[in-house]
Amino acid sequence: MNDLISIIVPIYNVPNDMLQKCIESLIKQTYKNIEIILVNDGSTNRDNIRICNKYLELSNKIKLINQINMGLCGARNTGVSNATGKWITFVDGDDWIEKDGFEKVINRLKDSPDIVCFGTIKEYKKSSFLYEFDNLFEDGKVYKKDCKIFLDVLFDFNSNISDVTAKLYNKEFLTKNNIFHDSEIRQGVESFDFNFDAFRKATKIQFIKEYIYHYVYNDKSITTKPNNQGYLQLLFGLEKVENKVLKLDNETVTKSFYNRINYIIVATAISGYFNPDSKIKYRIRKKTFEEFINNEIIKKALKFKSKIDIKRKMVLFFIIKKIYLPVYLLAIIRKIQKLN
């Protein structure tokens, strides 16, 4: 099989060393039938632009698109509209792909799937681990009548399929079904929204247990910085996805969705409001966090009998009881863990 893969890389103020490693990993792929679409989404980092231009001259596989800042969704949509490949894949500018990664995946494709899911390795500064799939899927299998399992477990934290990265999407399938990123949704919820539409409409999904995508923890990423405006956008996105979930009228998906929100509440508390990097006074953090958890969708999730690990249950307990000092201390511990 020698289908063209369009690799879409949104770029906005990515650490220079990470961006170089990302692009290098793509141009050195052993699978040669690729196009690399770099979407400079209005980066103010001049070195990002210089790096993109350097690789544009070095490789005829690269297309560079410069646009005003439209956000991650806008950049991905631009990439898709300029892609000519049979397959679309999304790679974040601070991540990278194993040298023989796409060759491994493309050689195992069968029966013309709409979506192909493969594996991720999470990397921190001094450690890395496989982002396991909790044994939910059969390696190499093309799911057809039973492909709804992907929608059923989309929001399941342990299924590890909610991200749009580590996937191949058939471009014709996306175009025919009008599946695109909603530019109004941000803060990670855009992947939930996109994949909800994709998994709901797909008739054939293949799972390939090859760990080729490297997610690299970036402590300079906007998603790691305390940002109250970002959390308001998070709530807005969750509400939009909730509307789709409730219209589906599927109890399994609905329960899984609210359960995932509890994971998000914990992450927002630990990495956001009580993040030790924040310069905001502790009493202000408490006040704004209480406003956050008083949102209707958050209150629904907190009332939900969550299936969640014991550590996160402990954090949720403190949140429900409004005992925030232990949450702050756990945030400090978590920050240290991520940097090691």
C-alpha atoms as a PDB file:
ATOM      1  CA  MET A   1       0.000   0.000   0.000  1.00  0.00           C
ATOM      2  CA  ASN A   2       1.389   3.383  -0.984  1.00  0.00           C
ATOM      3  CA  ASP A   3      -1.355   5.854  -0.087  1.00  0.00           C
ATOM      4  CA  LEU A   4      -0.367   9.480   0.471  1.00  0.00           C
ATOM      5  CA  ILE A   5      -0.521  10.598   4.115  1.00  0.00           C
ATOM      6  CA  SER A   6      -1.085  14.293   4.839  1.00  0.00           C
ATOM      7  CA  ILE A   7       0.556  15.191   8.160  1.00  0.00           C
ATOM      8  CA  ILE A   8      -0.898  18.389   9.627  1.00  0.00           C
ATOM      9  CA  VAL A   9       1.219  20.270  12.171  1.00  0.00           C
ATOM     10  CA  PRO A  10      -0.329  23.385  13.775  1.00  0.00           C
ATOM     11  CA  ILE A  11       2.377  25.728  15.043  1.00  0.00           C
ATOM     12  CA  TYR A  12       1.978  28.540  17.539  1.00  0.00           C
ATOM     13  CA  ASN A  13       4.954  29.589  19.680  1.00  0.00           C
ATOM     14  CA  VAL A  14       6.315  26.072  20.130  1.00  0.00           C
ATOM     15  CA  PRO A  15       9.651  25.712  21.988  1.00  0.00           C
ATOM     16  CA  ASN A  16      12.224  25.750  19.192  1.00  0.00           C
ATOM     17  CA  ASP A  17      13.983  22.508  20.117  1.00  0.00           C
ATOM     18  CA  MET A  18      10.645  20.668  20.245  1.00  0.00           C
ATOM     19  CA  LEU A  19       9.524  22.056  16.890  1.00  0.00           C
ATOM     20  CA  GLN A  20      12.796  21.031  15.236  1.00  0.00           C
ATOM     21  CA  LYS A  21      12.563  17.520  16.657  1.00  0.00           C
ATOM     22  CA  CYS A  22       8.953  17.253  15.460  1.00  0.00           C
ATOM     23  CA  ILE A  23       9.720  18.280  11.873  1.00  0.00           C
ATOM     24  CA  GLU A  24      12.915  16.187  11.743  1.00  0.00           C
ATOM     25  CA  SER A  25      10.959  13.113  12.828  1.00  0.00           C
ATOM     26  CA  LEU A  26       8.523  13.655   9.964  1.00  0.00           C
ATOM     27  CA  ILE A  27      10.936  14.317   7.113  1.00  0.00           C
ATOM     28  CA  LYS A  28      12.967  11.239   8.141  1.00  0.00           C
ATOM     29  CA  GLN A  29      10.026   8.843   7.994  1.00  0.00           C
ATOM     30  CA  THR A  30      10.862   5.556   6.317  1.00  0.00           C
ATOM     31  CA  TYR A  31       7.409   5.724   4.704  1.00  0.00           C
ATOM     32  CA  LYS A  32       8.096   8.178   1.890  1.00  0.00           C
ATOM     33  CA  ASN A  33       4.668   8.946   0.430  1.00  0.00           C
ATOM     34  CA  ILE A  34       3.848  11.811   2.781  1.00  0.00           C
ATOM     35  CA  GLU A  35       3.181  15.522   2.656  1.00  0.00           C
ATOM     36  CA  ILE A  36       3.919  17.620   5.724  1.00  0.00           C
ATOM     37  CA  ILE A  37       1.628  20.624   6.111  1.00  0.00           C
ATOM     38  CA  LEU A  38       3.055  23.135   8.579  1.00  0.00           C
ATOM     39  CA  VAL A  39       0.404  25.653   9.573  1.00  0.00           C
ATOM     40  CA  ASN A  40       2.018  28.691  11.153  1.00  0.00           C
ATOM     41  CA  ASP A  41      -0.946  29.969  13.142  1.00  0.00           C
ATOM     42  CA  GLY A  42       0.277  33.527  13.628  1.00  0.00           C
ATOM     43  CA  SER A  43       3.297  32.619  15.760  1.00  0.00           C
ATOM     44  CA  THR A  44       4.934  35.602  17.422  1.00  0.00           C
ATOM     45  CA  ASN A  45       8.053  33.507  17.996  1.00  0.00           C
ATOM     46  CA  ARG A  46      10.240  34.547  15.059  1.00  0.00           C
ATOM     47  CA  ASP A  47      12.419  31.473  15.503  1.00  0.00           C
ATOM     48  CA  ASN A  48       9.369  29.258  14.833  1.00  0.00           C
ATOM     49  CA  ILE A  49       8.941  31.000  11.501  1.00  0.00           C
ATOM     50  CA  ARG A  50      12.670  30.754  10.733  1.00  0.00           C
ATOM     51  CA  ILE A  51      12.640  27.010  11.497  1.00  0.00           C
ATOM     52  CA  CYS A  52       9.624  26.442   9.244  1.00  0.00           C
ATOM     53  CA  ASN A  53      11.234  28.343   6.385  1.00  0.00           C
ATOM     54  CA  LYS A  54      14.501  26.406   6.825  1.00  0.00           C
ATOM     55  CA  TYR A  55      12.757  23.052   6.484  1.00  0.00           C
ATOM     56  CA  LEU A  56      10.626  24.321   3.613  1.00  0.00           C
ATOM     57  CA  GLU A  57      13.869  24.828   1.665  1.00  0.00           C
ATOM     58  CA  LEU A  58      15.336  21.495   2.774  1.00  0.00           C
ATOM     59  CA  SER A  59      12.416  19.197   1.937  1.00  0.00           C
ATOM     60  CA  ASN A  60      10.050  19.088  -1.017  1.00  0.00           C
ATOM     61  CA  LYS A  61       7.596  17.157   1.160  1.00  0.00           C
ATOM     62  CA  ILE A  62       6.790  20.279   3.171  1.00  0.00           C
ATOM     63  CA  LYS A  63       4.043  22.802   2.554  1.00  0.00           C
ATOM     64  CA  LEU A  64       4.083  25.936   4.717  1.00  0.00           C
ATOM     65  CA  ILE A  65       0.901  27.906   5.307  1.00  0.00           C
ATOM     66  CA  ASN A  66       1.097  31.201   7.191  1.00  0.00           C
ATOM     67  CA  GLN A  67      -2.133  32.577   8.629  1.00  0.00           C
ATOM     68  CA  ILE A  68      -3.364  34.962  11.290  1.00  0.00           C
ATOM     69  CA  ASN A  69      -3.956  33.296  14.636  1.00  0.00           C
ATOM     70  CA  MET A  70      -7.117  31.180  14.400  1.00  0.00           C
ATOM     71  CA  GLY A  71      -6.420  28.786  17.264  1.00  0.00           C
ATOM     72  CA  LEU A  72      -5.662  25.082  17.170  1.00  0.00           C
ATOM     73  CA  CYS A  73      -8.966  24.159  15.521  1.00  0.00           C
ATOM     74  CA  GLY A  74      -8.605  26.801  12.839  1.00  0.00           C
ATOM     75  CA  ALA A  75      -5.058  25.650  12.099  1.00  0.00           C
ATOM     76  CA  ARG A  76      -6.116  22.008  11.816  1.00  0.00           C
ATOM     77  CA  ASN A  77      -9.023  22.923   9.537  1.00  0.00           C
ATOM     78  CA  THR A  78      -6.659  24.917   7.317  1.00  0.00           C
ATOM     79  CA  GLY A  79      -4.389  21.899   7.114  1.00  0.00           C
ATOM     80  CA  VAL A  80      -7.232  19.578   6.127  1.00  0.00           C
ATOM     81  CA  SER A  81      -8.499  21.954   3.434  1.00  0.00           C
ATOM     82  CA  ASN A  82      -5.002  22.043   1.884  1.00  0.00           C
ATOM     83  CA  ALA A  83      -4.318  18.313   2.206  1.00  0.00           C
ATOM     84  CA  THR A  84      -4.173  16.127  -0.904  1.00  0.00           C
ATOM     85  CA  GLY A  85      -3.547  12.770   0.785  1.00  0.00           C
ATOM     86  CA  LYS A  86      -5.911   9.843   1.208  1.00  0.00           C
ATOM     87  CA  TRP A  87      -5.109   9.900   4.922  1.00  0.00           C
ATOM     88  CA  ILE A  88      -5.112  12.798   7.374  1.00  0.00           C
ATOM     89  CA  THR A  89      -3.091  12.676  10.578  1.00  0.00           C
ATOM     90  CA  PHE A  90      -2.561  15.406  13.184  1.00  0.00           C
ATOM     91  CA  VAL A  91       0.756  15.938  14.950  1.00  0.00           C
ATOM     92  CA  ASP A  92       1.209  18.680  17.545  1.00  0.00           C
ATOM     93  CA  GLY A  93       4.306  20.809  17.072  1.00  0.00           C
ATOM     94  CA  ASP A  94       5.867  19.759  20.373  1.00  0.00           C
ATOM     95  CA  ASP A  95       5.425  16.015  19.728  1.00  0.00           C
ATOM     96  CA  TRP A  96       7.186  13.604  17.385  1.00  0.00           C
ATOM     97  CA  ILE A  97       6.766  10.317  15.510  1.00  0.00           C
ATOM     98  CA  GLU A  98       8.964   7.196  15.519  1.00  0.00           C
ATOM     99  CA  LYS A  99      11.124   7.079  12.373  1.00  0.00           C
ATOM    100  CA  ASP A 100       9.396   3.954  11.019  1.00  0.00           C
ATOM    101  CA  GLY A 101       6.051   4.816  12.593  1.00  0.00           C
ATOM    102  CA  PHE A 102       3.862   5.480   9.576  1.00  0.00           C
ATOM    103  CA  GLU A 103       5.436   2.574   7.705  1.00  0.00           C
ATOM    104  CA  LYS A 104       4.424   0.240  10.558  1.00  0.00           C
ATOM    105  CA  VAL A 105       0.849   1.501  10.520  1.00  0.00           C
ATOM    106  CA  ILE A 106       0.305   1.764   6.766  1.00  0.00           C
ATOM    107  CA  ASN A 107       1.622  -1.772   6.179  1.00  0.00           C
ATOM    108  CA  ARG A 108      -1.012  -3.189   8.524  1.00  0.00           C
ATOM    109  CA  LEU A 109      -4.035  -1.427   7.022  1.00  0.00           C
ATOM    110  CA  LYS A 110      -6.799  -3.615   5.649  1.00  0.00           C
ATOM    111  CA  ASP A 111     -10.395  -3.358   4.464  1.00  0.00           C
ATOM    112  CA  SER A 112     -10.333   0.436   3.854  1.00  0.00           C
ATOM    113  CA  PRO A 113     -11.172   1.750   7.360  1.00  0.00           C
ATOM    114  CA  ASP A 114     -12.603   5.222   7.962  1.00  0.00           C
ATOM    115  CA  ILE A 115     -10.369   5.713  11.012  1.00  0.00           C
ATOM    116  CA  VAL A 116      -7.212   4.011  12.227  1.00  0.00           C
ATOM    117  CA  CYS A 117      -6.202   4.272  15.904  1.00  0.00           C
ATOM    118  CA  PHE A 118      -2.651   3.607  17.076  1.00  0.00           C
ATOM    119  CA  GLY A 119      -0.595   4.144  20.225  1.00  0.00           C
ATOM    120  CA  THR A 120       1.016   6.993  22.134  1.00  0.00           C
ATOM    121  CA  ILE A 121       4.078   7.178  24.363  1.00  0.00           C
ATOM    122  CA  LYS A 122       3.912   9.928  27.002  1.00  0.00           C
ATOM    123  CA  GLU A 123       7.234  11.622  27.699  1.00  0.00           C
ATOM    124  CA  TYR A 124       8.199  13.705  30.698  1.00  0.00           C
ATOM    125  CA  LYS A 125      11.628  15.210  31.329  1.00  0.00           C
ATOM    126  CA  LYS A 126      13.133  12.121  32.917  1.00  0.00           C
ATOM    127  CA  SER A 127      10.628   9.362  32.228  1.00  0.00           C
ATOM    128  CA  SER A 128       8.226   7.973  29.646  1.00  0.00           C
ATOM    129  CA  PHE A 129       5.492   5.352  29.527  1.00  0.00           C
ATOM    130  CA  LEU A 130       3.115   3.684  27.093  1.00  0.00           C
ATOM    131  CA  TYR A 131      -0.344   5.219  27.049  1.00  0.00           C
ATOM    132  CA  GLU A 132      -2.080   1.847  27.412  1.00  0.00           C
ATOM    133  CA  PHE A 133      -5.510   0.983  25.983  1.00  0.00           C
ATOM    134  CA  ASP A 134      -6.704  -1.062  28.972  1.00  0.00           C
ATOM    135  CA  ASN A 135      -7.094  -4.134  26.685  1.00  0.00           C
ATOM    136  CA  LEU A 136     -10.287  -2.778  25.149  1.00  0.00           C
ATOM    137  CA  PHE A 137      -9.402  -3.454  21.507  1.00  0.00           C
ATOM    138  CA  GLU A 138      -7.994  -6.312  19.451  1.00  0.00           C
ATOM    139  CA  ASP A 139      -4.718  -5.589  17.672  1.00  0.00           C
ATOM    140  CA  GLY A 140      -5.143  -5.343  13.898  1.00  0.00           C
ATOM    141  CA  LYS A 141      -8.908  -5.851  13.953  1.00  0.00           C
ATOM    142  CA  VAL A 142     -11.196  -3.796  11.719  1.00  0.00           C
ATOM    143  CA  TYR A 143     -14.342  -3.110  13.733  1.00  0.00           C
ATOM    144  CA  LYS A 144     -17.512  -2.914  11.613  1.00  0.00           C
ATOM    145  CA  LYS A 145     -20.874  -3.684  13.185  1.00  0.00           C
ATOM    146  CA  ASP A 146     -19.152  -3.545  16.550  1.00  0.00           C
ATOM    147  CA  CYS A 147     -17.302  -0.276  15.805  1.00  0.00           C
ATOM    148  CA  LYS A 148     -19.692   1.546  18.145  1.00  0.00           C
ATOM    149  CA  ILE A 149     -17.416   0.350  20.959  1.00  0.00           C
ATOM    150  CA  PHE A 150     -15.144   3.283  20.055  1.00  0.00           C
ATOM    151  CA  LEU A 151     -17.973   5.741  20.692  1.00  0.00           C
ATOM    152  CA  ASP A 152     -18.992   3.908  23.855  1.00  0.00           C
ATOM    153  CA  VAL A 153     -15.512   4.329  25.325  1.00  0.00           C
ATOM    154  CA  LEU A 154     -14.526   7.636  23.686  1.00  0.00           C
ATOM    155  CA  PHE A 155     -14.754   9.491  27.000  1.00  0.00           C
ATOM    156  CA  ASP A 156     -13.323   6.612  29.037  1.00  0.00           C
ATOM    157  CA  PHE A 157     -10.026   7.899  30.468  1.00  0.00           C
ATOM    158  CA  ASN A 158      -8.446   4.446  30.125  1.00  0.00           C
ATOM    159  CA  SER A 159      -9.429   3.905  26.501  1.00  0.00           C
ATOM    160  CA  ASN A 160      -6.888   6.548  25.410  1.00  0.00           C
ATOM    161  CA  ILE A 161      -8.642   7.268  22.112  1.00  0.00           C
ATOM    162  CA  SER A 162     -10.139  10.723  22.752  1.00  0.00           C
ATOM    163  CA  ASP A 163      -7.222  12.679  21.226  1.00  0.00           C
ATOM    164  CA  VAL A 164      -7.202  13.378  17.478  1.00  0.00           C
ATOM    165  CA  THR A 165      -3.485  12.623  17.460  1.00  0.00           C
ATOM    166  CA  ALA A 166      -2.257   9.022  17.011  1.00  0.00           C
ATOM    167  CA  LYS A 167      -4.864   8.381  14.313  1.00  0.00           C
ATOM    168  CA  LEU A 168      -5.282   8.242  10.568  1.00  0.00           C
ATOM    169  CA  TYR A 169      -8.546   9.638   9.218  1.00  0.00           C
ATOM    170  CA  ASN A 170      -9.696   8.860   5.710  1.00  0.00           C
ATOM    171  CA  LYS A 171     -10.030  12.323   4.149  1.00  0.00           C
ATOM    172  CA  GLU A 172     -12.950  11.307   1.922  1.00  0.00           C
ATOM    173  CA  PHE A 173     -14.787  10.049   5.019  1.00  0.00           C
ATOM    174  CA  LEU A 174     -14.231  13.385   6.815  1.00  0.00           C
ATOM    175  CA  THR A 175     -15.275  15.441   3.810  1.00  0.00           C
ATOM    176  CA  LYS A 176     -18.349  13.364   2.968  1.00  0.00           C
ATOM    177  CA  ASN A 177     -19.598  13.598   6.544  1.00  0.00           C
ATOM    178  CA  ASN A 178     -18.655  17.257   7.022  1.00  0.00           C
ATOM    179  CA  ILE A 179     -16.474  16.459  10.044  1.00  0.00           C
ATOM    180  CA  PHE A 180     -14.253  19.360  11.033  1.00  0.00           C
ATOM    181  CA  HIS A 181     -12.915  21.043  14.153  1.00  0.00           C
ATOM    182  CA  ASP A 182     -15.297  23.482  15.806  1.00  0.00           C
ATOM    183  CA  SER A 183     -13.238  26.674  16.135  1.00  0.00           C
ATOM    184  CA  GLU A 184     -15.428  27.830  19.051  1.00  0.00           C
ATOM    185  CA  ILE A 185     -14.191  24.925  21.204  1.00  0.00           C
ATOM    186  CA  ARG A 186     -10.793  24.921  22.920  1.00  0.00           C
ATOM    187  CA  GLN A 187      -8.883  23.631  25.950  1.00  0.00           C
ATOM    188  CA  GLY A 188      -8.673  20.023  24.760  1.00  0.00           C
ATOM    189  CA  VAL A 189     -12.432  19.586  24.375  1.00  0.00           C
ATOM    190  CA  GLU A 190     -12.064  20.079  20.601  1.00  0.00           C
ATOM    191  CA  SER A 191     -10.776  16.496  20.343  1.00  0.00           C
ATOM    192  CA  PHE A 192     -13.830  15.146  22.196  1.00  0.00           C
ATOM    193  CA  ASP A 193     -16.100  17.019  19.826  1.00  0.00           C
ATOM    194  CA  PHE A 194     -14.264  16.000  16.645  1.00  0.00           C
ATOM    195  CA  ASN A 195     -13.980  12.326  17.575  1.00  0.00           C
ATOM    196  CA  PHE A 196     -17.566  12.154  18.818  1.00  0.00           C
ATOM    197  CA  ASP A 197     -18.694  13.089  15.300  1.00  0.00           C
ATOM    198  CA  ALA A 198     -16.100  10.845  13.658  1.00  0.00           C
ATOM    199  CA  PHE A 199     -16.764   7.715  15.734  1.00  0.00           C
ATOM    200  CA  ARG A 200     -20.533   8.215  15.498  1.00  0.00           C
ATOM    201  CA  LYS A 201     -20.432   8.244  11.682  1.00  0.00           C
ATOM    202  CA  ALA A 202     -17.662   5.717  11.033  1.00  0.00           C
ATOM    203  CA  THR A 203     -18.624   2.270   9.757  1.00  0.00           C
ATOM    204  CA  LYS A 204     -15.119   0.751   9.856  1.00  0.00           C
ATOM    205  CA  ILE A 205     -12.443   1.523  12.460  1.00  0.00           C
ATOM    206  CA  GLN A 206      -9.141  -0.323  12.696  1.00  0.00           C
ATOM    207  CA  PHE A 207      -7.078  -0.581  15.859  1.00  0.00           C
ATOM    208  CA  ILE A 208      -3.331  -1.123  15.498  1.00  0.00           C
ATOM    209  CA  LYS A 209      -1.317  -1.598  18.669  1.00  0.00           C
ATOM    210  CA  GLU A 210       1.831   0.191  17.509  1.00  0.00           C
ATOM    211  CA  TYR A 211       3.189   2.867  19.856  1.00  0.00           C
ATOM    212  CA  ILE A 212       4.656   5.396  17.447  1.00  0.00           C
ATOM    213  CA  TYR A 213       3.341   8.809  18.561  1.00  0.00           C
ATOM    214  CA  HIS A 214       5.387  10.590  21.250  1.00  0.00           C
ATOM    215  CA  TYR A 215       3.409  13.057  23.343  1.00  0.00           C
ATOM    216  CA  VAL A 216       5.963  15.316  25.040  1.00  0.00           C
ATOM    217  CA  TYR A 217       5.032  17.163  28.222  1.00  0.00           C
ATOM    218  CA  ASN A 218       5.608  20.851  27.524  1.00  0.00           C
ATOM    219  CA  ASP A 219       5.612  22.974  30.671  1.00  0.00           C
ATOM    220  CA  LYS A 220       5.468  26.071  28.449  1.00  0.00           C
ATOM    221  CA  SER A 221       2.256  24.999  26.745  1.00  0.00           C
ATOM    222  CA  ILE A 222      -0.799  27.220  27.273  1.00  0.00           C
ATOM    223  CA  THR A 223      -2.678  24.169  28.570  1.00  0.00           C
ATOM    224  CA  THR A 224      -0.254  23.926  31.511  1.00  0.00           C
ATOM    225  CA  LYS A 225      -0.641  27.553  32.587  1.00  0.00           C
ATOM    226  CA  PRO A 226      -3.318  28.741  35.039  1.00  0.00           C
ATOM    227  CA  ASN A 227      -5.834  30.666  32.937  1.00  0.00           C
ATOM    228  CA  ASN A 228      -9.332  31.471  34.187  1.00  0.00           C
ATOM    229  CA  GLN A 229     -10.493  32.578  30.734  1.00  0.00           C
ATOM    230  CA  GLY A 230      -9.375  29.195  29.435  1.00  0.00           C
ATOM    231  CA  TYR A 231     -11.496  27.411  32.023  1.00  0.00           C
ATOM    232  CA  LEU A 232     -14.547  29.387  30.926  1.00  0.00           C
ATOM    233  CA  GLN A 233     -13.812  28.204  27.367  1.00  0.00           C
ATOM    234  CA  LEU A 234     -13.494  24.666  28.753  1.00  0.00           C
ATOM    235  CA  LEU A 235     -16.989  24.886  30.250  1.00  0.00           C
ATOM    236  CA  PHE A 236     -18.375  26.291  27.005  1.00  0.00           C
ATOM    237  CA  GLY A 237     -16.869  23.397  25.052  1.00  0.00           C
ATOM    238  CA  LEU A 238     -18.128  20.773  27.483  1.00  0.00           C
ATOM    239  CA  GLU A 239     -21.637  22.201  27.229  1.00  0.00           C
ATOM    240  CA  LYS A 240     -21.537  21.966  23.418  1.00  0.00           C
ATOM    241  CA  VAL A 241     -20.382  18.347  23.583  1.00  0.00           C
ATOM    242  CA  GLU A 242     -23.005  17.603  26.261  1.00  0.00           C
ATOM    243  CA  ASN A 243     -25.749  18.730  23.873  1.00  0.00           C
ATOM    244  CA  LYS A 244     -24.571  16.181  21.291  1.00  0.00           C
ATOM    245  CA  VAL A 245     -24.229  13.435  23.895  1.00  0.00           C
ATOM    246  CA  LEU A 246     -27.732  13.951  25.285  1.00  0.00           C
ATOM    247  CA  LYS A 247     -29.246  13.995  21.785  1.00  0.00           C
ATOM    248  CA  LEU A 248     -27.625  10.622  21.123  1.00  0.00           C
ATOM    249  CA  ASP A 249     -29.701   9.203  24.011  1.00  0.00           C
ATOM    250  CA  ASN A 250     -27.181   6.471  24.799  1.00  0.00           C
ATOM    251  CA  GLU A 251     -26.873   5.735  28.512  1.00  0.00           C
ATOM    252  CA  THR A 252     -23.393   4.196  28.196  1.00  0.00           C
ATOM    253  CA  VAL A 253     -21.976   7.245  26.395  1.00  0.00           C
ATOM    254  CA  THR A 254     -23.741   9.686  28.726  1.00  0.00           C
ATOM    255  CA  LYS A 255     -22.344   8.022  31.860  1.00  0.00           C
ATOM    256  CA  SER A 256     -18.890   7.875  30.320  1.00  0.00           C
ATOM    257  CA  PHE A 257     -19.069  11.589  29.441  1.00  0.00           C
ATOM    258  CA  TYR A 258     -19.941  12.747  32.971  1.00  0.00           C
ATOM    259  CA  ASN A 259     -17.356  10.380  34.395  1.00  0.00           C
ATOM    260  CA  ARG A 260     -14.706  11.982  32.160  1.00  0.00           C
ATOM    261  CA  ILE A 261     -15.717  15.426  33.401  1.00  0.00           C
ATOM    262  CA  ASN A 262     -14.724  14.303  36.897  1.00  0.00           C
ATOM    263  CA  TYR A 263     -11.236  13.596  35.574  1.00  0.00           C
ATOM    264  CA  ILE A 264     -11.272  17.075  34.036  1.00  0.00           C
ATOM    265  CA  ILE A 265     -12.351  18.653  37.343  1.00  0.00           C
ATOM    266  CA  VAL A 266      -9.388  17.029  39.090  1.00  0.00           C
ATOM    267  CA  ALA A 267      -6.955  18.090  36.350  1.00  0.00           C
ATOM    268  CA  THR A 268      -8.317  21.642  36.359  1.00  0.00           C
ATOM    269  CA  ALA A 269      -7.860  21.881  40.123  1.00  0.00           C
ATOM    270  CA  ILE A 270      -4.383  20.308  40.226  1.00  0.00           C
ATOM    271  CA  SER A 271      -2.844  21.762  37.046  1.00  0.00           C
ATOM    272  CA  GLY A 272      -4.916  24.915  36.907  1.00  0.00           C
ATOM    273  CA  TYR A 273      -6.467  26.770  39.781  1.00  0.00           C
ATOM    274  CA  PHE A 274      -4.073  25.392  42.414  1.00  0.00           C
ATOM    275  CA  ASN A 275      -1.065  25.133  40.128  1.00  0.00           C
ATOM    276  CA  PRO A 276       2.000  26.228  42.160  1.00  0.00           C
ATOM    277  CA  ASP A 277       3.185  28.332  39.181  1.00  0.00           C
ATOM    278  CA  SER A 278       0.216  30.656  39.579  1.00  0.00           C
ATOM    279  CA  LYS A 279       0.961  34.114  40.973  1.00  0.00           C
ATOM    280  CA  ILE A 280      -2.653  34.619  42.029  1.00  0.00           C
ATOM    281  CA  LYS A 281      -3.321  34.852  45.761  1.00  0.00           C
ATOM    282  CA  TYR A 282      -4.619  31.655  47.342  1.00  0.00           C
ATOM    283  CA  ARG A 283      -7.923  33.186  48.500  1.00  0.00           C
ATOM    284  CA  ILE A 284      -8.615  34.423  44.956  1.00  0.00           C
ATOM    285  CA  ARG A 285      -7.906  30.960  43.571  1.00  0.00           C
ATOM    286  CA  LYS A 286     -10.394  29.436  46.000  1.00  0.00           C
ATOM    287  CA  LYS A 287     -13.031  31.979  45.044  1.00  0.00           C
ATOM    288  CA  THR A 288     -12.630  31.523  41.274  1.00  0.00           C
ATOM    289  CA  PHE A 289     -12.454  27.727  41.589  1.00  0.00           C
ATOM    290  CA  GLU A 290     -15.711  27.705  43.551  1.00  0.00           C
ATOM    291  CA  GLU A 291     -17.284  29.729  40.756  1.00  0.00           C
ATOM    292  CA  PHE A 292     -16.001  27.102  38.311  1.00  0.00           C
ATOM    293  CA  ILE A 293     -17.474  24.140  40.211  1.00  0.00           C
ATOM    294  CA  ASN A 294     -20.803  25.957  40.609  1.00  0.00           C
ATOM    295  CA  ASN A 295     -21.350  25.698  36.851  1.00  0.00           C
ATOM    296  CA  GLU A 296     -24.315  23.420  36.098  1.00  0.00           C
ATOM    297  CA  ILE A 297     -22.398  20.858  34.054  1.00  0.00           C
ATOM    298  CA  ILE A 298     -19.743  20.556  36.775  1.00  0.00           C
ATOM    299  CA  LYS A 299     -22.404  20.143  39.469  1.00  0.00           C
ATOM    300  CA  LYS A 300     -24.021  17.363  37.405  1.00  0.00           C
ATOM    301  CA  ALA A 301     -20.697  15.542  37.143  1.00  0.00           C
ATOM    302  CA  LEU A 302     -19.905  15.917  40.849  1.00  0.00           C
ATOM    303  CA  LYS A 303     -23.288  14.354  41.721  1.00  0.00           C
ATOM    304  CA  PHE A 304     -22.548  11.492  39.358  1.00  0.00           C
ATOM    305  CA  LYS A 305     -21.310   8.251  40.958  1.00  0.00           C
ATOM    306  CA  SER A 306     -17.887   8.355  39.392  1.00  0.00           C
ATOM    307  CA  LYS A 307     -15.797   5.335  38.382  1.00  0.00           C
ATOM    308  CA  ILE A 308     -12.420   6.853  39.028  1.00  0.00           C
ATOM    309  CA  ASP A 309      -9.154   5.796  40.668  1.00  0.00           C
ATOM    310  CA  ILE A 310      -8.649   6.213  44.403  1.00  0.00           C
ATOM    311  CA  LYS A 311      -6.233   9.159  44.120  1.00  0.00           C
ATOM    312  CA  ARG A 312      -8.634  11.205  42.042  1.00  0.00           C
ATOM    313  CA  LYS A 313     -11.544  10.181  44.251  1.00  0.00           C
ATOM    314  CA  MET A 314      -9.618  11.653  47.149  1.00  0.00           C
ATOM    315  CA  VAL A 315      -9.185  14.953  45.291  1.00  0.00           C
ATOM    316  CA  LEU A 316     -12.886  14.988  44.394  1.00  0.00           C
ATOM    317  CA  PHE A 317     -13.749  14.367  48.046  1.00  0.00           C
ATOM    318  CA  PHE A 318     -11.759  17.438  49.122  1.00  0.00           C
ATOM    319  CA  ILE A 319     -13.322  19.501  46.333  1.00  0.00           C
ATOM    320  CA  ILE A 320     -16.879  18.501  47.246  1.00  0.00           C
ATOM    321  CA  LYS A 321     -16.158  19.252  50.906  1.00  0.00           C
ATOM    322  CA  LYS A 322     -14.472  22.546  49.888  1.00  0.00           C
ATOM    323  CA  ILE A 323     -11.240  21.638  51.673  1.00  0.00           C
ATOM    324  CA  TYR A 324      -8.717  23.129  49.269  1.00  0.00           C
ATOM    325  CA  LEU A 325      -5.381  23.123  51.092  1.00  0.00           C
ATOM    326  CA  PRO A 326      -4.800  19.370  50.488  1.00  0.00           C
ATOM    327  CA  VAL A 327      -5.618  19.964  46.801  1.00  0.00           C
ATOM    328  CA  TYR A 328      -2.981  22.703  46.685  1.00  0.00           C
ATOM    329  CA  LEU A 329      -0.407  20.393  48.302  1.00  0.00           C
ATOM    330  CA  LEU A 330      -1.224  17.614  45.826  1.00  0.00           C
ATOM    331  CA  ALA A 331      -0.781  20.133  42.992  1.00  0.00           C
ATOM    332  CA  ILE A 332       2.751  20.859  44.196  1.00  0.00           C
ATOM    333  CA  ILE A 333       3.539  17.133  44.325  1.00  0.00           C
ATOM    334  CA  ARG A 334       2.121  16.592  40.833  1.00  0.00           C
ATOM    335  CA  LYS A 335       4.165  19.455  39.421  1.00  0.00           C
ATOM    336  CA  ILE A 336       7.358  17.914  40.803  1.00  0.00           C
ATOM    337  CA  GLN A 337       6.420  14.512  39.350  1.00  0.00           C
ATOM    338  CA  LYS A 338       5.917  15.921  35.853  1.00  0.00           C
ATOM    339  CA  LEU A 339       9.318  17.570  35.900  1.00  0.00           C
ATOM    340  CA  ASN A 340      11.055  14.307  36.777  1.00  0.00           C
END
